[in-house]
Amino acid sequence: MRILSLFFPRLGVQILRATRPELAGHPVGLLAGEGDGALLAAASVEATADGVEPGMTALQARQRCPGISFERDNASECLERLEAVASILRTRATPDVAIVSRNSVAVALDGLEGRFADEAAAAQALLVLVRSWSGLDVRAAVASTVEEAECAARTARRFPVIRAERPAAGTMLPRREPVTVSVTWETPAMAEAARLRLWNGLASLQPALDAYEQSFRAVRFEVERGACRSAFIARTSQPIHRIAEVLDLLRGRVEGGALDGVTALRVTLEQPGPSVSVVPWRPAVATMHQLAAPAVPVQRRLLRAS
């Protein structure tokens, strides 16, 4: 299977500047968290040219780029925009589309041979479709694995990059589905034990979320009181990565008395997507193998062109 990666460089910054044109040309950083300890989720090319890197704290970024402007991370909006792009691709091209990161979408090219002359033609056609529909800067590459395709797409510019075909394992697109945990009880006396089972069931999902690098954007609570059923959906400002966040949402409902008289409860983690958690930045460690010659700084105009 050959994979097409459609990569949206600095998507969060692109979306922000579309609604805030006054930020164009100025160094911008998107922060996950509050205060000087908040982590930088994304940075504009102007900030990168001054040495700012994702994962830095707000304080570290400000020390390297005093003129940087901080805005709240818009990871949820990035995933929503990629969902819209994936929906267009599923309608116009193939159902085998998956969001693989906060900046990229992967498309399986199997089954498109009869519609395009070759992989390059398919990649170019889908690239033009996404560019015209989204109005965003998009880059594309075709390779044998999702990881290789995304890496190559980062280096692409106007036209797609086509990597040579090679045998590779693990080329399937990631499949993410909603996750449901439910409990029932017969009498009010059994409610406390049932809620504990629900807590434990949700907590057991954390290793799976970590292993599959998954997040969710909504939590659906369904409650049953005899013959009556009701449901409500809780959404957070940022995608959920930790089950503890779900438990906090549920605990507020339980302690508030909203579940009094309930005999069944189902919790569903909805709108699954890739992990968009920010990894803390670590400075490079000097080694004995470093070159003795002085480093040659990269010209700012060339760095910004990347």
C-alpha atoms as a PDB file:
ATOM      1  CA  MET A   1       0.000   0.000   0.000  1.00  0.00           C
ATOM      2  CA  ARG A   2       1.273   3.470  -0.901  1.00  0.00           C
ATOM      3  CA  ILE A   3       0.425   6.407   1.348  1.00  0.00           C
ATOM      4  CA  LEU A   4      -0.156  10.051   0.424  1.00  0.00           C
ATOM      5  CA  SER A   5       0.537  12.508   3.230  1.00  0.00           C
ATOM      6  CA  LEU A   6      -1.044  15.957   3.104  1.00  0.00           C
ATOM      7  CA  PHE A   7       0.897  18.125   5.534  1.00  0.00           C
ATOM      8  CA  PHE A   8      -0.327  21.549   6.723  1.00  0.00           C
ATOM      9  CA  PRO A   9       2.781  23.364   8.046  1.00  0.00           C
ATOM     10  CA  ARG A  10       2.098  25.218  11.310  1.00  0.00           C
ATOM     11  CA  LEU A  11      -1.640  24.665  10.887  1.00  0.00           C
ATOM     12  CA  GLY A  12      -2.520  26.293  14.202  1.00  0.00           C
ATOM     13  CA  VAL A  13      -0.718  29.485  13.191  1.00  0.00           C
ATOM     14  CA  GLN A  14      -2.360  29.435   9.752  1.00  0.00           C
ATOM     15  CA  ILE A  15      -5.824  29.184  11.301  1.00  0.00           C
ATOM     16  CA  LEU A  16      -5.059  31.907  13.841  1.00  0.00           C
ATOM     17  CA  ARG A  17      -3.798  34.352  11.228  1.00  0.00           C
ATOM     18  CA  ALA A  18      -6.811  33.729   9.012  1.00  0.00           C
ATOM     19  CA  THR A  19      -8.957  35.371  11.704  1.00  0.00           C
ATOM     20  CA  ARG A  20      -6.264  37.699  13.064  1.00  0.00           C
ATOM     21  CA  PRO A  21      -4.550  39.204   9.980  1.00  0.00           C
ATOM     22  CA  GLU A  22      -2.798  41.798  12.155  1.00  0.00           C
ATOM     23  CA  LEU A  23      -0.523  38.980  13.380  1.00  0.00           C
ATOM     24  CA  ALA A  24       0.923  38.352   9.914  1.00  0.00           C
ATOM     25  CA  GLY A  25       4.672  38.867   9.843  1.00  0.00           C
ATOM     26  CA  HIS A  26       4.982  38.958  13.638  1.00  0.00           C
ATOM     27  CA  PRO A  27       6.384  36.158  15.821  1.00  0.00           C
ATOM     28  CA  VAL A  28       3.521  34.145  17.319  1.00  0.00           C
ATOM     29  CA  GLY A  29       3.409  31.192  19.702  1.00  0.00           C
ATOM     30  CA  LEU A  30       0.480  28.964  20.686  1.00  0.00           C
ATOM     31  CA  LEU A  31       0.504  28.012  24.365  1.00  0.00           C
ATOM     32  CA  ALA A  32      -0.920  24.919  26.049  1.00  0.00           C
ATOM     33  CA  GLY A  33      -1.415  25.938  29.671  1.00  0.00           C
ATOM     34  CA  GLU A  34      -1.205  29.111  31.682  1.00  0.00           C
ATOM     35  CA  GLY A  35       1.594  31.337  32.938  1.00  0.00           C
ATOM     36  CA  ASP A  36       5.333  31.260  32.311  1.00  0.00           C
ATOM     37  CA  GLY A  37       5.364  27.470  32.643  1.00  0.00           C
ATOM     38  CA  ALA A  38       2.903  26.901  29.777  1.00  0.00           C
ATOM     39  CA  LEU A  39       4.344  24.836  26.928  1.00  0.00           C
ATOM     40  CA  LEU A  40       4.627  26.100  23.376  1.00  0.00           C
ATOM     41  CA  ALA A  41       2.498  23.919  21.086  1.00  0.00           C
ATOM     42  CA  ALA A  42       3.407  25.706  17.845  1.00  0.00           C
ATOM     43  CA  ALA A  43       5.441  28.681  16.699  1.00  0.00           C
ATOM     44  CA  SER A  44       5.403  30.867  13.604  1.00  0.00           C
ATOM     45  CA  VAL A  45       8.377  30.980  11.243  1.00  0.00           C
ATOM     46  CA  GLU A  46       9.324  34.408  12.624  1.00  0.00           C
ATOM     47  CA  ALA A  47       9.575  32.959  16.129  1.00  0.00           C
ATOM     48  CA  THR A  48      11.459  29.905  14.864  1.00  0.00           C
ATOM     49  CA  ALA A  49      13.983  32.181  13.172  1.00  0.00           C
ATOM     50  CA  ASP A  50      14.806  33.591  16.623  1.00  0.00           C
ATOM     51  CA  GLY A  51      15.384  30.115  18.069  1.00  0.00           C
ATOM     52  CA  VAL A  52      11.937  29.387  19.508  1.00  0.00           C
ATOM     53  CA  GLU A  53      10.953  25.690  19.386  1.00  0.00           C
ATOM     54  CA  PRO A  54       7.775  23.797  20.268  1.00  0.00           C
ATOM     55  CA  GLY A  55       7.892  22.348  23.771  1.00  0.00           C
ATOM     56  CA  MET A  56       9.617  25.370  25.267  1.00  0.00           C
ATOM     57  CA  THR A  57       7.987  27.141  28.167  1.00  0.00           C
ATOM     58  CA  ALA A  58       6.555  30.608  27.643  1.00  0.00           C
ATOM     59  CA  LEU A  59       9.448  32.031  29.663  1.00  0.00           C
ATOM     60  CA  GLN A  60      12.084  30.291  27.534  1.00  0.00           C
ATOM     61  CA  ALA A  61      10.387  31.427  24.313  1.00  0.00           C
ATOM     62  CA  ARG A  62      10.190  35.027  25.527  1.00  0.00           C
ATOM     63  CA  GLN A  63      13.875  35.005  26.432  1.00  0.00           C
ATOM     64  CA  ARG A  64      14.803  33.987  22.888  1.00  0.00           C
ATOM     65  CA  CYS A  65      12.229  36.173  21.158  1.00  0.00           C
ATOM     66  CA  PRO A  66      11.195  39.160  23.322  1.00  0.00           C
ATOM     67  CA  GLY A  67       8.663  40.366  20.752  1.00  0.00           C
ATOM     68  CA  ILE A  68       6.705  37.115  20.537  1.00  0.00           C
ATOM     69  CA  SER A  69       2.925  37.227  20.940  1.00  0.00           C
ATOM     70  CA  PHE A  70       1.270  34.343  22.784  1.00  0.00           C
ATOM     71  CA  GLU A  71      -2.166  32.970  21.947  1.00  0.00           C
ATOM     72  CA  ARG A  72      -4.088  30.016  23.362  1.00  0.00           C
ATOM     73  CA  ASP A  73      -3.419  26.702  21.629  1.00  0.00           C
ATOM     74  CA  ASN A  74      -6.129  25.881  19.090  1.00  0.00           C
ATOM     75  CA  ALA A  75      -5.513  22.118  18.820  1.00  0.00           C
ATOM     76  CA  SER A  76      -9.249  21.340  18.782  1.00  0.00           C
ATOM     77  CA  GLU A  77      -9.808  23.740  15.909  1.00  0.00           C
ATOM     78  CA  CYS A  78      -6.902  22.165  14.014  1.00  0.00           C
ATOM     79  CA  LEU A  79      -8.451  18.709  14.340  1.00  0.00           C
ATOM     80  CA  GLU A  80     -11.863  20.051  13.310  1.00  0.00           C
ATOM     81  CA  ARG A  81     -10.329  21.578  10.172  1.00  0.00           C
ATOM     82  CA  LEU A  82      -8.541  18.319   9.356  1.00  0.00           C
ATOM     83  CA  GLU A  83     -11.813  16.406   9.881  1.00  0.00           C
ATOM     84  CA  ALA A  84     -13.430  18.651   7.279  1.00  0.00           C
ATOM     85  CA  VAL A  85     -10.562  18.005   4.843  1.00  0.00           C
ATOM     86  CA  ALA A  86     -10.797  14.263   5.462  1.00  0.00           C
ATOM     87  CA  SER A  87     -14.544  14.365   4.797  1.00  0.00           C
ATOM     88  CA  ILE A  88     -13.974  16.034   1.422  1.00  0.00           C
ATOM     89  CA  LEU A  89     -11.360  13.425   0.486  1.00  0.00           C
ATOM     90  CA  ARG A  90     -13.655  10.573   1.517  1.00  0.00           C
ATOM     91  CA  THR A  91     -16.418  12.016  -0.677  1.00  0.00           C
ATOM     92  CA  ARG A  92     -14.292  12.895  -3.713  1.00  0.00           C
ATOM     93  CA  ALA A  93     -11.575  10.215  -3.693  1.00  0.00           C
ATOM     94  CA  THR A  94     -11.436   7.311  -1.239  1.00  0.00           C
ATOM     95  CA  PRO A  95     -12.805   6.326   2.192  1.00  0.00           C
ATOM     96  CA  ASP A  96      -9.301   5.320   3.323  1.00  0.00           C
ATOM     97  CA  VAL A  97      -8.378   8.637   4.972  1.00  0.00           C
ATOM     98  CA  ALA A  98      -7.061   9.204   8.483  1.00  0.00           C
ATOM     99  CA  ILE A  99      -5.874  12.129  10.575  1.00  0.00           C
ATOM    100  CA  VAL A 100      -2.410  11.145  11.791  1.00  0.00           C
ATOM    101  CA  SER A 101      -1.288  14.303  13.628  1.00  0.00           C
ATOM    102  CA  ARG A 102      -2.408  17.846  14.400  1.00  0.00           C
ATOM    103  CA  ASN A 103      -0.870  18.935  11.076  1.00  0.00           C
ATOM    104  CA  SER A 104      -1.418  16.093   8.613  1.00  0.00           C
ATOM    105  CA  VAL A 105      -3.848  13.735   6.923  1.00  0.00           C
ATOM    106  CA  ALA A 106      -2.905  10.407   5.316  1.00  0.00           C
ATOM    107  CA  VAL A 107      -4.634   8.892   2.284  1.00  0.00           C
ATOM    108  CA  ALA A 108      -4.274   5.301   1.039  1.00  0.00           C
ATOM    109  CA  LEU A 109      -3.799   5.365  -2.733  1.00  0.00           C
ATOM    110  CA  ASP A 110      -4.866   1.756  -3.276  1.00  0.00           C
ATOM    111  CA  GLY A 111      -7.905   1.560  -5.529  1.00  0.00           C
ATOM    112  CA  LEU A 112      -7.243   4.868  -7.305  1.00  0.00           C
ATOM    113  CA  GLU A 113      -5.173   3.374 -10.128  1.00  0.00           C
ATOM    114  CA  GLY A 114      -8.045   3.554 -12.618  1.00  0.00           C
ATOM    115  CA  ARG A 115      -8.699   7.254 -11.973  1.00  0.00           C
ATOM    116  CA  PHE A 116      -5.171   8.637 -12.314  1.00  0.00           C
ATOM    117  CA  ALA A 117      -2.252   7.939 -14.634  1.00  0.00           C
ATOM    118  CA  ASP A 118       0.165   7.314 -11.741  1.00  0.00           C
ATOM    119  CA  GLU A 119       0.902   8.184  -8.116  1.00  0.00           C
ATOM    120  CA  ALA A 120       2.264  11.602  -9.008  1.00  0.00           C
ATOM    121  CA  ALA A 121      -0.934  12.508 -10.864  1.00  0.00           C
ATOM    122  CA  ALA A 122      -3.099  11.296  -7.982  1.00  0.00           C
ATOM    123  CA  ALA A 123      -1.037  13.213  -5.435  1.00  0.00           C
ATOM    124  CA  GLN A 124      -1.151  16.409  -7.487  1.00  0.00           C
ATOM    125  CA  ALA A 125      -4.904  16.174  -8.078  1.00  0.00           C
ATOM    126  CA  LEU A 126      -5.698  15.618  -4.399  1.00  0.00           C
ATOM    127  CA  LEU A 127      -3.250  18.345  -3.388  1.00  0.00           C
ATOM    128  CA  VAL A 128      -4.968  20.850  -5.702  1.00  0.00           C
ATOM    129  CA  LEU A 129      -8.389  19.779  -4.354  1.00  0.00           C
ATOM    130  CA  VAL A 130      -7.376  20.320  -0.727  1.00  0.00           C
ATOM    131  CA  ARG A 131      -5.605  23.610  -1.437  1.00  0.00           C
ATOM    132  CA  SER A 132      -8.551  25.050  -3.336  1.00  0.00           C
ATOM    133  CA  TRP A 133     -11.120  23.857  -0.811  1.00  0.00           C
ATOM    134  CA  SER A 134      -9.281  24.768   2.399  1.00  0.00           C
ATOM    135  CA  GLY A 135      -7.393  27.882   1.312  1.00  0.00           C
ATOM    136  CA  LEU A 136      -4.454  26.713   3.451  1.00  0.00           C
ATOM    137  CA  ASP A 137      -0.807  26.046   2.737  1.00  0.00           C
ATOM    138  CA  VAL A 138      -0.575  22.296   2.067  1.00  0.00           C
ATOM    139  CA  ARG A 139       2.321  20.068   1.062  1.00  0.00           C
ATOM    140  CA  ALA A 140       2.233  16.482  -0.169  1.00  0.00           C
ATOM    141  CA  ALA A 141       4.370  13.384  -0.521  1.00  0.00           C
ATOM    142  CA  VAL A 142       3.882   9.712  -1.415  1.00  0.00           C
ATOM    143  CA  ALA A 143       5.827   6.939   0.321  1.00  0.00           C
ATOM    144  CA  SER A 144       5.511   3.373   1.545  1.00  0.00           C
ATOM    145  CA  THR A 145       4.666   4.208   5.180  1.00  0.00           C
ATOM    146  CA  VAL A 146       2.725   6.912   6.978  1.00  0.00           C
ATOM    147  CA  GLU A 147       5.828   8.095   8.822  1.00  0.00           C
ATOM    148  CA  GLU A 148       7.994   8.250   5.687  1.00  0.00           C
ATOM    149  CA  ALA A 149       5.285  10.060   3.720  1.00  0.00           C
ATOM    150  CA  GLU A 150       4.787  12.705   6.414  1.00  0.00           C
ATOM    151  CA  CYS A 151       8.539  13.237   6.758  1.00  0.00           C
ATOM    152  CA  ALA A 152       8.856  13.719   2.996  1.00  0.00           C
ATOM    153  CA  ALA A 153       5.830  16.044   2.892  1.00  0.00           C
ATOM    154  CA  ARG A 154       7.578  18.373   5.344  1.00  0.00           C
ATOM    155  CA  THR A 155      10.308  18.903   2.749  1.00  0.00           C
ATOM    156  CA  ALA A 156       7.907  19.421  -0.179  1.00  0.00           C
ATOM    157  CA  ARG A 157       6.960  22.814  -1.531  1.00  0.00           C
ATOM    158  CA  ARG A 158       4.723  23.456  -4.527  1.00  0.00           C
ATOM    159  CA  PHE A 159       4.653  19.939  -5.977  1.00  0.00           C
ATOM    160  CA  PRO A 160       4.382  16.524  -4.304  1.00  0.00           C
ATOM    161  CA  VAL A 161       7.468  14.512  -3.417  1.00  0.00           C
ATOM    162  CA  ILE A 162       7.383  10.885  -4.623  1.00  0.00           C
ATOM    163  CA  ARG A 163       9.606   8.476  -2.694  1.00  0.00           C
ATOM    164  CA  ALA A 164      10.753   5.214  -4.246  1.00  0.00           C
ATOM    165  CA  GLU A 165       8.624   2.225  -3.416  1.00  0.00           C
ATOM    166  CA  ARG A 166      10.051  -0.291  -0.966  1.00  0.00           C
ATOM    167  CA  PRO A 167       8.721  -3.198   1.077  1.00  0.00           C
ATOM    168  CA  ALA A 168       7.445  -1.927   4.400  1.00  0.00           C
ATOM    169  CA  ALA A 169       5.461  -3.289   7.308  1.00  0.00           C
ATOM    170  CA  GLY A 170       2.817  -1.394   9.218  1.00  0.00           C
ATOM    171  CA  THR A 171       1.503   0.668   6.325  1.00  0.00           C
ATOM    172  CA  MET A 172      -2.131   0.547   7.425  1.00  0.00           C
ATOM    173  CA  LEU A 173      -3.781   3.821   8.295  1.00  0.00           C
ATOM    174  CA  PRO A 174      -4.633   4.232  11.992  1.00  0.00           C
ATOM    175  CA  ARG A 175      -8.246   3.433  12.847  1.00  0.00           C
ATOM    176  CA  ARG A 176      -9.739   5.301  15.778  1.00  0.00           C
ATOM    177  CA  GLU A 177     -13.184   4.558  17.175  1.00  0.00           C
ATOM    178  CA  PRO A 178     -15.232   5.897  20.093  1.00  0.00           C
ATOM    179  CA  VAL A 179     -14.731   4.038  23.378  1.00  0.00           C
ATOM    180  CA  THR A 180     -17.642   3.138  25.686  1.00  0.00           C
ATOM    181  CA  VAL A 181     -17.720   2.026  29.317  1.00  0.00           C
ATOM    182  CA  SER A 182     -21.074   1.245  30.966  1.00  0.00           C
ATOM    183  CA  VAL A 183     -22.378  -0.058  34.301  1.00  0.00           C
ATOM    184  CA  THR A 184     -25.832  -0.943  35.648  1.00  0.00           C
ATOM    185  CA  TRP A 185     -27.249  -1.548  39.123  1.00  0.00           C
ATOM    186  CA  GLU A 186     -30.638  -2.658  40.466  1.00  0.00           C
ATOM    187  CA  THR A 187     -31.042  -0.822  43.766  1.00  0.00           C
ATOM    188  CA  PRO A 188     -29.814   2.490  45.181  1.00  0.00           C
ATOM    189  CA  ALA A 189     -27.677   0.541  47.653  1.00  0.00           C
ATOM    190  CA  MET A 190     -25.700  -0.895  44.755  1.00  0.00           C
ATOM    191  CA  ALA A 191     -25.090   2.475  43.116  1.00  0.00           C
ATOM    192  CA  GLU A 192     -21.857   3.272  44.965  1.00  0.00           C
ATOM    193  CA  ALA A 193     -20.243  -0.048  44.025  1.00  0.00           C
ATOM    194  CA  ALA A 194     -21.379   0.397  40.413  1.00  0.00           C
ATOM    195  CA  ARG A 195     -19.852   3.869  40.226  1.00  0.00           C
ATOM    196  CA  LEU A 196     -16.589   2.462  41.563  1.00  0.00           C
ATOM    197  CA  ARG A 197     -16.635  -0.166  38.815  1.00  0.00           C
ATOM    198  CA  LEU A 198     -17.175   2.618  36.279  1.00  0.00           C
ATOM    199  CA  TRP A 199     -14.252   4.599  37.710  1.00  0.00           C
ATOM    200  CA  ASN A 200     -11.990   1.555  37.515  1.00  0.00           C
ATOM    201  CA  GLY A 201     -13.171   0.714  34.004  1.00  0.00           C
ATOM    202  CA  LEU A 202     -12.379   4.199  32.758  1.00  0.00           C
ATOM    203  CA  ALA A 203      -9.015   4.259  34.511  1.00  0.00           C
ATOM    204  CA  SER A 204      -8.052   1.008  32.778  1.00  0.00           C
ATOM    205  CA  LEU A 205      -8.334   2.773  29.402  1.00  0.00           C
ATOM    206  CA  GLN A 206      -5.327   5.029  30.025  1.00  0.00           C
ATOM    207  CA  PRO A 207      -2.658   2.518  28.869  1.00  0.00           C
ATOM    208  CA  ALA A 208      -4.564   2.030  25.603  1.00  0.00           C
ATOM    209  CA  LEU A 209      -4.771   5.765  24.996  1.00  0.00           C
ATOM    210  CA  ASP A 210      -1.043   6.089  25.598  1.00  0.00           C
ATOM    211  CA  ALA A 211      -0.150   3.108  23.400  1.00  0.00           C
ATOM    212  CA  TYR A 212      -2.239   4.309  20.461  1.00  0.00           C
ATOM    213  CA  GLU A 213      -1.413   8.011  21.014  1.00  0.00           C
ATOM    214  CA  GLN A 214      -5.092   8.884  20.965  1.00  0.00           C
ATOM    215  CA  SER A 215      -7.208  11.813  22.088  1.00  0.00           C
ATOM    216  CA  PHE A 216     -10.932  12.610  22.275  1.00  0.00           C
ATOM    217  CA  ARG A 217     -12.815  15.862  21.869  1.00  0.00           C
ATOM    218  CA  ALA A 218     -16.123  15.042  23.541  1.00  0.00           C
ATOM    219  CA  VAL A 219     -17.547  12.826  26.292  1.00  0.00           C
ATOM    220  CA  ARG A 220     -21.112  11.546  26.055  1.00  0.00           C
ATOM    221  CA  PHE A 221     -22.931  10.566  29.266  1.00  0.00           C
ATOM    222  CA  GLU A 222     -26.089   8.443  28.941  1.00  0.00           C
ATOM    223  CA  VAL A 223     -28.203   7.816  32.044  1.00  0.00           C
ATOM    224  CA  GLU A 224     -31.219   5.581  32.598  1.00  0.00           C
ATOM    225  CA  ARG A 225     -33.887   6.001  35.279  1.00  0.00           C
ATOM    226  CA  GLY A 226     -36.311   3.148  34.887  1.00  0.00           C
ATOM    227  CA  ALA A 227     -37.975   3.601  31.500  1.00  0.00           C
ATOM    228  CA  CYS A 228     -36.572   7.125  31.047  1.00  0.00           C
ATOM    229  CA  ARG A 229     -33.305   7.733  29.251  1.00  0.00           C
ATOM    230  CA  SER A 230     -31.385  10.940  28.785  1.00  0.00           C
ATOM    231  CA  ALA A 231     -27.984  11.957  27.476  1.00  0.00           C
ATOM    232  CA  PHE A 232     -25.709  14.943  27.587  1.00  0.00           C
ATOM    233  CA  ILE A 233     -22.389  15.722  25.920  1.00  0.00           C
ATOM    234  CA  ALA A 234     -19.497  17.468  27.630  1.00  0.00           C
ATOM    235  CA  ARG A 235     -16.829  19.188  25.566  1.00  0.00           C
ATOM    236  CA  THR A 236     -13.540  20.672  26.693  1.00  0.00           C
ATOM    237  CA  SER A 237     -11.539  23.520  25.206  1.00  0.00           C
ATOM    238  CA  GLN A 238      -8.698  21.142  24.327  1.00  0.00           C
ATOM    239  CA  PRO A 239      -8.658  17.460  23.289  1.00  0.00           C
ATOM    240  CA  ILE A 240      -8.698  14.989  26.170  1.00  0.00           C
ATOM    241  CA  HIS A 241      -5.580  12.844  26.637  1.00  0.00           C
ATOM    242  CA  ARG A 242      -5.942  11.717  30.246  1.00  0.00           C
ATOM    243  CA  ILE A 243      -8.740   9.636  31.719  1.00  0.00           C
ATOM    244  CA  ALA A 244      -8.426  11.815  34.815  1.00  0.00           C
ATOM    245  CA  GLU A 245     -10.016  14.638  32.806  1.00  0.00           C
ATOM    246  CA  VAL A 246     -13.021  12.407  32.039  1.00  0.00           C
ATOM    247  CA  LEU A 247     -13.300  11.443  35.698  1.00  0.00           C
ATOM    248  CA  ASP A 248     -13.322  15.116  36.685  1.00  0.00           C
ATOM    249  CA  LEU A 249     -16.219  15.758  34.298  1.00  0.00           C
ATOM    250  CA  LEU A 250     -18.114  12.745  35.613  1.00  0.00           C
ATOM    251  CA  ARG A 251     -17.325  13.479  39.259  1.00  0.00           C
ATOM    252  CA  GLY A 252     -18.904  16.901  38.932  1.00  0.00           C
ATOM    253  CA  ARG A 253     -22.128  15.278  37.751  1.00  0.00           C
ATOM    254  CA  VAL A 254     -22.115  12.571  40.416  1.00  0.00           C
ATOM    255  CA  GLU A 255     -21.372  14.862  43.329  1.00  0.00           C
ATOM    256  CA  GLY A 256     -23.894  17.386  42.059  1.00  0.00           C
ATOM    257  CA  GLY A 257     -26.727  14.896  42.518  1.00  0.00           C
ATOM    258  CA  ALA A 258     -27.594  14.702  38.829  1.00  0.00           C
ATOM    259  CA  LEU A 259     -27.331  10.913  38.939  1.00  0.00           C
ATOM    260  CA  ASP A 260     -29.683  10.375  41.876  1.00  0.00           C
ATOM    261  CA  GLY A 261     -32.098   7.585  41.013  1.00  0.00           C
ATOM    262  CA  VAL A 262     -30.068   6.459  38.005  1.00  0.00           C
ATOM    263  CA  THR A 263     -29.896   2.685  37.478  1.00  0.00           C
ATOM    264  CA  ALA A 264     -27.596   2.610  34.432  1.00  0.00           C
ATOM    265  CA  LEU A 265     -24.790   4.838  33.233  1.00  0.00           C
ATOM    266  CA  ARG A 266     -22.823   4.742  29.978  1.00  0.00           C
ATOM    267  CA  VAL A 267     -19.793   6.922  29.249  1.00  0.00           C
ATOM    268  CA  THR A 268     -18.562   7.221  25.646  1.00  0.00           C
ATOM    269  CA  LEU A 269     -15.392   8.988  24.587  1.00  0.00           C
ATOM    270  CA  GLU A 270     -16.301  10.505  21.213  1.00  0.00           C
ATOM    271  CA  GLN A 271     -14.624  12.318  18.316  1.00  0.00           C
ATOM    272  CA  PRO A 272     -11.361  10.362  18.519  1.00  0.00           C
ATOM    273  CA  GLY A 273      -8.207  11.762  17.003  1.00  0.00           C
ATOM    274  CA  PRO A 274      -4.420  11.682  17.264  1.00  0.00           C
ATOM    275  CA  SER A 275      -2.565  12.805  20.335  1.00  0.00           C
ATOM    276  CA  VAL A 276      -1.843  16.541  20.285  1.00  0.00           C
ATOM    277  CA  SER A 277      -0.171  16.735  23.693  1.00  0.00           C
ATOM    278  CA  VAL A 278       2.952  18.887  23.819  1.00  0.00           C
ATOM    279  CA  VAL A 279       6.265  17.195  24.603  1.00  0.00           C
ATOM    280  CA  PRO A 280       8.511  19.404  26.762  1.00  0.00           C
ATOM    281  CA  TRP A 281      11.528  20.754  24.913  1.00  0.00           C
ATOM    282  CA  ARG A 282      14.967  19.579  25.925  1.00  0.00           C
ATOM    283  CA  PRO A 283      18.148  21.461  24.928  1.00  0.00           C
ATOM    284  CA  ALA A 284      20.649  19.555  22.827  1.00  0.00           C
ATOM    285  CA  VAL A 285      23.342  17.817  24.845  1.00  0.00           C
ATOM    286  CA  ALA A 286      26.944  18.527  23.832  1.00  0.00           C
ATOM    287  CA  THR A 287      29.054  15.448  23.082  1.00  0.00           C
ATOM    288  CA  MET A 288      32.718  14.744  22.579  1.00  0.00           C
ATOM    289  CA  HIS A 289      32.029  14.167  18.889  1.00  0.00           C
ATOM    290  CA  GLN A 290      30.943  17.741  18.175  1.00  0.00           C
ATOM    291  CA  LEU A 291      32.882  19.643  15.523  1.00  0.00           C
ATOM    292  CA  ALA A 292      35.534  21.968  16.851  1.00  0.00           C
ATOM    293  CA  ALA A 293      34.892  24.505  14.094  1.00  0.00           C
ATOM    294  CA  PRO A 294      32.483  27.378  14.854  1.00  0.00           C
ATOM    295  CA  ALA A 295      28.881  26.896  13.791  1.00  0.00           C
ATOM    296  CA  VAL A 296      27.676  28.792  10.725  1.00  0.00           C
ATOM    297  CA  PRO A 297      24.319  30.475  11.432  1.00  0.00           C
ATOM    298  CA  VAL A 298      21.510  29.861   8.972  1.00  0.00           C
ATOM    299  CA  GLN A 299      20.370  32.977   7.177  1.00  0.00           C
ATOM    300  CA  ARG A 300      17.017  34.155   8.489  1.00  0.00           C
ATOM    301  CA  ARG A 301      15.499  34.418   5.029  1.00  0.00           C
ATOM    302  CA  LEU A 302      16.343  30.764   4.328  1.00  0.00           C
ATOM    303  CA  LEU A 303      14.976  29.610   7.665  1.00  0.00           C
ATOM    304  CA  ARG A 304      11.733  31.476   7.113  1.00  0.00           C
ATOM    305  CA  ALA A 305      11.403  29.913   3.656  1.00  0.00           C
ATOM    306  CA  SER A 306      11.185  26.507   5.317  1.00  0.00           C
END
